[in-house]
Amino acid sequence: MDNVVWLRPPGKPCLVLSADEWWKGSVVWEETRREDGLWWGTVTYDKEDQKITEVRSQHDLRAR
């Protein structure tokens, strides 16, 4: 996890895909794409009464 930059919200509103469901949250994008060519960001979202913060790629996020 040496290449992970943990950022704190507030971020931009988004939807986060987790367990085949979309959850309302926020994302703070990393400044540049990673070597895999994808955008990654730190997301915070509420899922079943838990606040979750983790790093996700663009594939798991949608604007809202």
PDB file of N, CA and C in Angstrom:
ATOM      1  N   MET A   1       0.811  -1.188   0.000  1.00  0.00           N
ATOM      2  CA  MET A   1       0.000   0.000   0.000  1.00  0.00           C
ATOM      3  C   MET A   1       0.857   1.256   0.000  1.00  0.00           C
ATOM      4  N   ASP A   2       2.079   1.136  -0.446  1.00  0.00           N
ATOM      5  CA  ASP A   2       2.960   2.300  -0.479  1.00  0.00           C
ATOM      6  C   ASP A   2       2.497   3.356  -1.468  1.00  0.00           C
ATOM      7  N   ASN A   3       1.746   2.951  -2.502  1.00  0.00           N
ATOM      8  CA  ASN A   3       1.327   3.900  -3.526  1.00  0.00           C
ATOM      9  C   ASN A   3      -0.065   4.479  -3.272  1.00  0.00           C
ATOM     10  N   VAL A   4      -0.654   4.203  -2.121  1.00  0.00           N
ATOM     11  CA  VAL A   4      -1.989   4.703  -1.799  1.00  0.00           C
ATOM     12  C   VAL A   4      -1.869   6.038  -1.075  1.00  0.00           C
ATOM     13  N   VAL A   5      -2.614   7.012  -1.565  1.00  0.00           N
ATOM     14  CA  VAL A   5      -2.665   8.311  -0.910  1.00  0.00           C
ATOM     15  C   VAL A   5      -4.039   8.432  -0.265  1.00  0.00           C
ATOM     16  N   TRP A   6      -4.082   8.469   1.043  1.00  0.00           N
ATOM     17  CA  TRP A   6      -5.358   8.575   1.741  1.00  0.00           C
ATOM     18  C   TRP A   6      -5.733  10.037   1.883  1.00  0.00           C
ATOM     19  N   LEU A   7      -6.842  10.401   1.303  1.00  0.00           N
ATOM     20  CA  LEU A   7      -7.361  11.762   1.368  1.00  0.00           C
ATOM     21  C   LEU A   7      -8.666  11.737   2.146  1.00  0.00           C
ATOM     22  N   ARG A   8      -9.011  12.820   2.750  1.00  0.00           N
ATOM     23  CA  ARG A   8     -10.233  12.903   3.534  1.00  0.00           C
ATOM     24  C   ARG A   8     -11.275  13.723   2.783  1.00  0.00           C
ATOM     25  N   PRO A   9     -12.550  13.311   2.879  1.00  0.00           N
ATOM     26  CA  PRO A   9     -13.601  14.145   2.332  1.00  0.00           C
ATOM     27  C   PRO A   9     -13.601  15.494   3.003  1.00  0.00           C
ATOM     28  N   PRO A  10     -14.210  16.549   2.507  1.00  0.00           N
ATOM     29  CA  PRO A  10     -15.287  16.455   1.542  1.00  0.00           C
ATOM     30  C   PRO A  10     -14.773  16.175   0.136  1.00  0.00           C
ATOM     31  N   GLY A  11     -15.543  15.411  -0.562  1.00  0.00           N
ATOM     32  CA  GLY A  11     -15.216  15.100  -1.938  1.00  0.00           C
ATOM     33  C   GLY A  11     -16.407  15.398  -2.817  1.00  0.00           C
ATOM     34  N   LYS A  12     -16.307  14.952  -4.050  1.00  0.00           N
ATOM     35  CA  LYS A  12     -17.416  15.135  -4.987  1.00  0.00           C
ATOM     36  C   LYS A  12     -18.446  14.031  -4.758  1.00  0.00           C
ATOM     37  N   PRO A  13     -19.733  14.369  -4.825  1.00  0.00           N
ATOM     38  CA  PRO A  13     -20.770  13.357  -4.658  1.00  0.00           C
ATOM     39  C   PRO A  13     -20.636  12.270  -5.721  1.00  0.00           C
ATOM     40  N   CYS A  14     -20.867  11.027  -5.327  1.00  0.00           N
ATOM     41  CA  CYS A  14     -20.777   9.915  -6.273  1.00  0.00           C
ATOM     42  C   CYS A  14     -21.635   8.761  -5.785  1.00  0.00           C
ATOM     43  N   LEU A  15     -21.752   7.758  -6.632  1.00  0.00           N
ATOM     44  CA  LEU A  15     -22.340   6.482  -6.258  1.00  0.00           C
ATOM     45  C   LEU A  15     -21.214   5.455  -6.267  1.00  0.00           C
ATOM     46  N   VAL A  16     -21.209   4.573  -5.273  1.00  0.00           N
ATOM     47  CA  VAL A  16     -20.152   3.574  -5.117  1.00  0.00           C
ATOM     48  C   VAL A  16     -20.773   2.189  -5.262  1.00  0.00           C
ATOM     49  N   LEU A  17     -20.199   1.362  -6.141  1.00  0.00           N
ATOM     50  CA  LEU A  17     -20.692   0.001  -6.330  1.00  0.00           C
ATOM     51  C   LEU A  17     -20.059  -0.917  -5.290  1.00  0.00           C
ATOM     52  N   SER A  18     -20.908  -1.543  -4.471  1.00  0.00           N
ATOM     53  CA  SER A  18     -20.438  -2.480  -3.452  1.00  0.00           C
ATOM     54  C   SER A  18     -21.491  -3.567  -3.288  1.00  0.00           C
ATOM     55  N   ALA A  19     -21.077  -4.816  -3.396  1.00  0.00           N
ATOM     56  CA  ALA A  19     -21.993  -5.955  -3.254  1.00  0.00           C
ATOM     57  C   ALA A  19     -23.175  -5.840  -4.223  1.00  0.00           C
ATOM     58  N   ASP A  20     -22.877  -5.472  -5.464  1.00  0.00           N
ATOM     59  CA  ASP A  20     -23.878  -5.362  -6.534  1.00  0.00           C
ATOM     60  C   ASP A  20     -24.964  -4.322  -6.274  1.00  0.00           C
ATOM     61  N   GLU A  21     -24.704  -3.369  -5.383  1.00  0.00           N
ATOM     62  CA  GLU A  21     -25.632  -2.270  -5.125  1.00  0.00           C
ATOM     63  C   GLU A  21     -24.880  -0.955  -5.184  1.00  0.00           C
ATOM     64  N   TRP A  22     -25.611   0.127  -5.513  1.00  0.00           N
ATOM     65  CA  TRP A  22     -25.029   1.463  -5.558  1.00  0.00           C
ATOM     66  C   TRP A  22     -25.360   2.196  -4.274  1.00  0.00           C
ATOM     67  N   TRP A  23     -24.334   2.809  -3.654  1.00  0.00           N
ATOM     68  CA  TRP A  23     -24.482   3.527  -2.394  1.00  0.00           C
ATOM     69  C   TRP A  23     -24.044   4.965  -2.590  1.00  0.00           C
ATOM     70  N   LYS A  24     -24.755   5.916  -1.965  1.00  0.00           N
ATOM     71  CA  LYS A  24     -24.378   7.330  -2.051  1.00  0.00           C
ATOM     72  C   LYS A  24     -23.126   7.575  -1.231  1.00  0.00           C
ATOM     73  N   GLY A  25     -22.203   8.341  -1.821  1.00  0.00           N
ATOM     74  CA  GLY A  25     -20.967   8.649  -1.117  1.00  0.00           C
ATOM     75  C   GLY A  25     -20.289   9.860  -1.719  1.00  0.00           C
ATOM     76  N   SER A  26     -19.002   9.991  -1.418  1.00  0.00           N
ATOM     77  CA  SER A  26     -18.197  11.077  -1.981  1.00  0.00           C
ATOM     78  C   SER A  26     -16.822  10.526  -2.336  1.00  0.00           C
ATOM     79  N   VAL A  27     -16.174  11.169  -3.311  1.00  0.00           N
ATOM     80  CA  VAL A  27     -14.861  10.715  -3.780  1.00  0.00           C
ATOM     81  C   VAL A  27     -13.907  11.895  -3.872  1.00  0.00           C
ATOM     82  N   VAL A  28     -12.663  11.649  -3.500  1.00  0.00           N
ATOM     83  CA  VAL A  28     -11.569  12.587  -3.728  1.00  0.00           C
ATOM     84  C   VAL A  28     -10.603  11.856  -4.655  1.00  0.00           C
ATOM     85  N   TRP A  29     -10.502  12.339  -5.895  1.00  0.00           N
ATOM     86  CA  TRP A  29      -9.677  11.675  -6.902  1.00  0.00           C
ATOM     87  C   TRP A  29      -8.195  11.927  -6.666  1.00  0.00           C
ATOM     88  N   GLU A  30      -7.371  10.937  -6.996  1.00  0.00           N
ATOM     89  CA  GLU A  30      -5.925  11.134  -6.991  1.00  0.00           C
ATOM     90  C   GLU A  30      -5.576  12.091  -8.122  1.00  0.00           C
ATOM     91  N   GLU A  31      -4.429  12.744  -8.028  1.00  0.00           N
ATOM     92  CA  GLU A  31      -4.075  13.799  -8.982  1.00  0.00           C
ATOM     93  C   GLU A  31      -3.823  13.290 -10.398  1.00  0.00           C
ATOM     94  N   THR A  32      -3.328  12.081 -10.547  1.00  0.00           N
ATOM     95  CA  THR A  32      -3.040  11.532 -11.880  1.00  0.00           C
ATOM     96  C   THR A  32      -3.512  10.086 -11.957  1.00  0.00           C
ATOM     97  N   ARG A  33      -3.621   9.605 -13.197  1.00  0.00           N
ATOM     98  CA  ARG A  33      -3.957   8.195 -13.399  1.00  0.00           C
ATOM     99  C   ARG A  33      -2.810   7.326 -12.891  1.00  0.00           C
ATOM    100  N   ARG A  34      -3.134   6.121 -12.513  1.00  0.00           N
ATOM    101  CA  ARG A  34      -2.102   5.167 -12.089  1.00  0.00           C
ATOM    102  C   ARG A  34      -1.516   4.470 -13.309  1.00  0.00           C
ATOM    103  N   GLU A  35      -0.502   3.647 -13.081  1.00  0.00           N
ATOM    104  CA  GLU A  35       0.161   2.937 -14.178  1.00  0.00           C
ATOM    105  C   GLU A  35      -0.798   2.039 -14.949  1.00  0.00           C
ATOM    106  N   ASP A  36      -1.867   1.584 -14.314  1.00  0.00           N
ATOM    107  CA  ASP A  36      -2.848   0.740 -15.000  1.00  0.00           C
ATOM    108  C   ASP A  36      -3.757   1.543 -15.928  1.00  0.00           C
ATOM    109  N   GLY A  37      -3.579   2.875 -15.953  1.00  0.00           N
ATOM    110  CA  GLY A  37      -4.358   3.738 -16.831  1.00  0.00           C
ATOM    111  C   GLY A  37      -5.689   4.184 -16.251  1.00  0.00           C
ATOM    112  N   LEU A  38      -6.006   3.748 -15.043  1.00  0.00           N
ATOM    113  CA  LEU A  38      -7.291   4.081 -14.427  1.00  0.00           C
ATOM    114  C   LEU A  38      -7.149   5.228 -13.439  1.00  0.00           C
ATOM    115  N   TRP A  39      -8.260   5.935 -13.248  1.00  0.00           N
ATOM    116  CA  TRP A  39      -8.349   6.933 -12.185  1.00  0.00           C
ATOM    117  C   TRP A  39      -8.755   6.212 -10.913  1.00  0.00           C
ATOM    118  N   TRP A  40      -8.126   6.575  -9.797  1.00  0.00           N
ATOM    119  CA  TRP A  40      -8.436   6.007  -8.490  1.00  0.00           C
ATOM    120  C   TRP A  40      -8.744   7.145  -7.538  1.00  0.00           C
ATOM    121  N   GLY A  41      -9.566   6.860  -6.551  1.00  0.00           N
ATOM    122  CA  GLY A  41      -9.906   7.885  -5.572  1.00  0.00           C
ATOM    123  C   GLY A  41     -10.259   7.274  -4.235  1.00  0.00           C
ATOM    124  N   THR A  42     -10.199   8.094  -3.210  1.00  0.00           N
ATOM    125  CA  THR A  42     -10.616   7.685  -1.873  1.00  0.00           C
ATOM    126  C   THR A  42     -12.103   7.989  -1.741  1.00  0.00           C
ATOM    127  N   VAL A  43     -12.883   6.956  -1.471  1.00  0.00           N
ATOM    128  CA  VAL A  43     -14.330   7.122  -1.350  1.00  0.00           C
ATOM    129  C   VAL A  43     -14.766   6.911   0.097  1.00  0.00           C
ATOM    130  N   THR A  44     -15.788   7.644   0.470  1.00  0.00           N
ATOM    131  CA  THR A  44     -16.439   7.455   1.766  1.00  0.00           C
ATOM    132  C   THR A  44     -17.926   7.312   1.488  1.00  0.00           C
ATOM    133  N   TYR A  45     -18.527   6.255   2.016  1.00  0.00           N
ATOM    134  CA  TYR A  45     -19.956   6.043   1.799  1.00  0.00           C
ATOM    135  C   TYR A  45     -20.562   5.311   2.991  1.00  0.00           C
ATOM    136  N   ASP A  46     -21.874   5.460   3.126  1.00  0.00           N
ATOM    137  CA  ASP A  46     -22.617   4.781   4.188  1.00  0.00           C
ATOM    138  C   ASP A  46     -23.272   3.541   3.602  1.00  0.00           C
ATOM    139  N   LYS A  47     -22.978   2.400   4.208  1.00  0.00           N
ATOM    140  CA  LYS A  47     -23.546   1.132   3.753  1.00  0.00           C
ATOM    141  C   LYS A  47     -24.077   0.390   4.970  1.00  0.00           C
ATOM    142  N   GLU A  48     -25.380   0.202   5.012  1.00  0.00           N
ATOM    143  CA  GLU A  48     -26.017  -0.531   6.105  1.00  0.00           C
ATOM    144  C   GLU A  48     -25.558  -0.012   7.468  1.00  0.00           C
ATOM    145  N   ASP A  49     -25.697   1.295   7.676  1.00  0.00           N
ATOM    146  CA  ASP A  49     -25.370   1.956   8.948  1.00  0.00           C
ATOM    147  C   ASP A  49     -23.888   1.928   9.312  1.00  0.00           C
ATOM    148  N   GLN A  50     -23.013   1.689   8.343  1.00  0.00           N
ATOM    149  CA  GLN A  50     -21.569   1.758   8.562  1.00  0.00           C
ATOM    150  C   GLN A  50     -20.985   2.804   7.635  1.00  0.00           C
ATOM    151  N   LYS A  51     -20.063   3.626   8.146  1.00  0.00           N
ATOM    152  CA  LYS A  51     -19.337   4.566   7.295  1.00  0.00           C
ATOM    153  C   LYS A  51     -18.070   3.858   6.837  1.00  0.00           C
ATOM    154  N   ILE A  52     -17.906   3.733   5.528  1.00  0.00           N
ATOM    155  CA  ILE A  52     -16.785   3.004   4.947  1.00  0.00           C
ATOM    156  C   ILE A  52     -15.923   3.976   4.159  1.00  0.00           C
ATOM    157  N   THR A  53     -14.612   3.889   4.328  1.00  0.00           N
ATOM    158  CA  THR A  53     -13.654   4.680   3.559  1.00  0.00           C
ATOM    159  C   THR A  53     -12.651   3.712   2.952  1.00  0.00           C
ATOM    160  N   GLU A  54     -12.503   3.769   1.619  1.00  0.00           N
ATOM    161  CA  GLU A  54     -11.567   2.887   0.931  1.00  0.00           C
ATOM    162  C   GLU A  54     -11.165   3.492  -0.399  1.00  0.00           C
ATOM    163  N   VAL A  55     -10.170   2.918  -1.035  1.00  0.00           N
ATOM    164  CA  VAL A  55      -9.702   3.385  -2.338  1.00  0.00           C
ATOM    165  C   VAL A  55     -10.353   2.522  -3.406  1.00  0.00           C
ATOM    166  N   ARG A  56     -10.960   3.183  -4.406  1.00  0.00           N
ATOM    167  CA  ARG A  56     -11.651   2.474  -5.490  1.00  0.00           C
ATOM    168  C   ARG A  56     -11.253   3.066  -6.831  1.00  0.00           C
ATOM    169  N   SER A  57     -11.373   2.253  -7.872  1.00  0.00           N
ATOM    170  CA  SER A  57     -11.084   2.731  -9.224  1.00  0.00           C
ATOM    171  C   SER A  57     -12.337   3.335  -9.851  1.00  0.00           C
ATOM    172  N   GLN A  58     -12.142   3.953 -10.992  1.00  0.00           N
ATOM    173  CA  GLN A  58     -13.244   4.579 -11.725  1.00  0.00           C
ATOM    174  C   GLN A  58     -14.335   3.582 -12.078  1.00  0.00           C
ATOM    175  N   HIS A  59     -14.011   2.304 -12.173  1.00  0.00           N
ATOM    176  CA  HIS A  59     -14.998   1.294 -12.557  1.00  0.00           C
ATOM    177  C   HIS A  59     -16.078   1.083 -11.496  1.00  0.00           C
ATOM    178  N   ASP A  60     -15.774   1.427 -10.248  1.00  0.00           N
ATOM    179  CA  ASP A  60     -16.734   1.232  -9.160  1.00  0.00           C
ATOM    180  C   ASP A  60     -17.470   2.506  -8.777  1.00  0.00           C
ATOM    181  N   LEU A  61     -17.276   3.579  -9.540  1.00  0.00           N
ATOM    182  CA  LEU A  61     -17.841   4.878  -9.166  1.00  0.00           C
ATOM    183  C   LEU A  61     -18.645   5.480 -10.304  1.00  0.00           C
ATOM    184  N   ARG A  62     -19.679   6.217  -9.947  1.00  0.00           N
ATOM    185  CA  ARG A  62     -20.494   6.967 -10.912  1.00  0.00           C
ATOM    186  C   ARG A  62     -20.783   8.339 -10.323  1.00  0.00           C
ATOM    187  N   ALA A  63     -20.851   9.339 -11.186  1.00  0.00           N
ATOM    188  CA  ALA A  63     -21.199  10.696 -10.740  1.00  0.00           C
ATOM    189  C   ALA A  63     -22.655  10.715 -10.297  1.00  0.00           C
ATOM    190  N   ARG A  64     -22.958  11.627  -9.383  1.00  0.00           N
ATOM    191  CA  ARG A  64     -24.378  11.810  -9.009  1.00  0.00           C
ATOM    192  C   ARG A  64     -24.650  13.278  -8.804  1.00  0.00           C
TER     193      ARG A  64
END
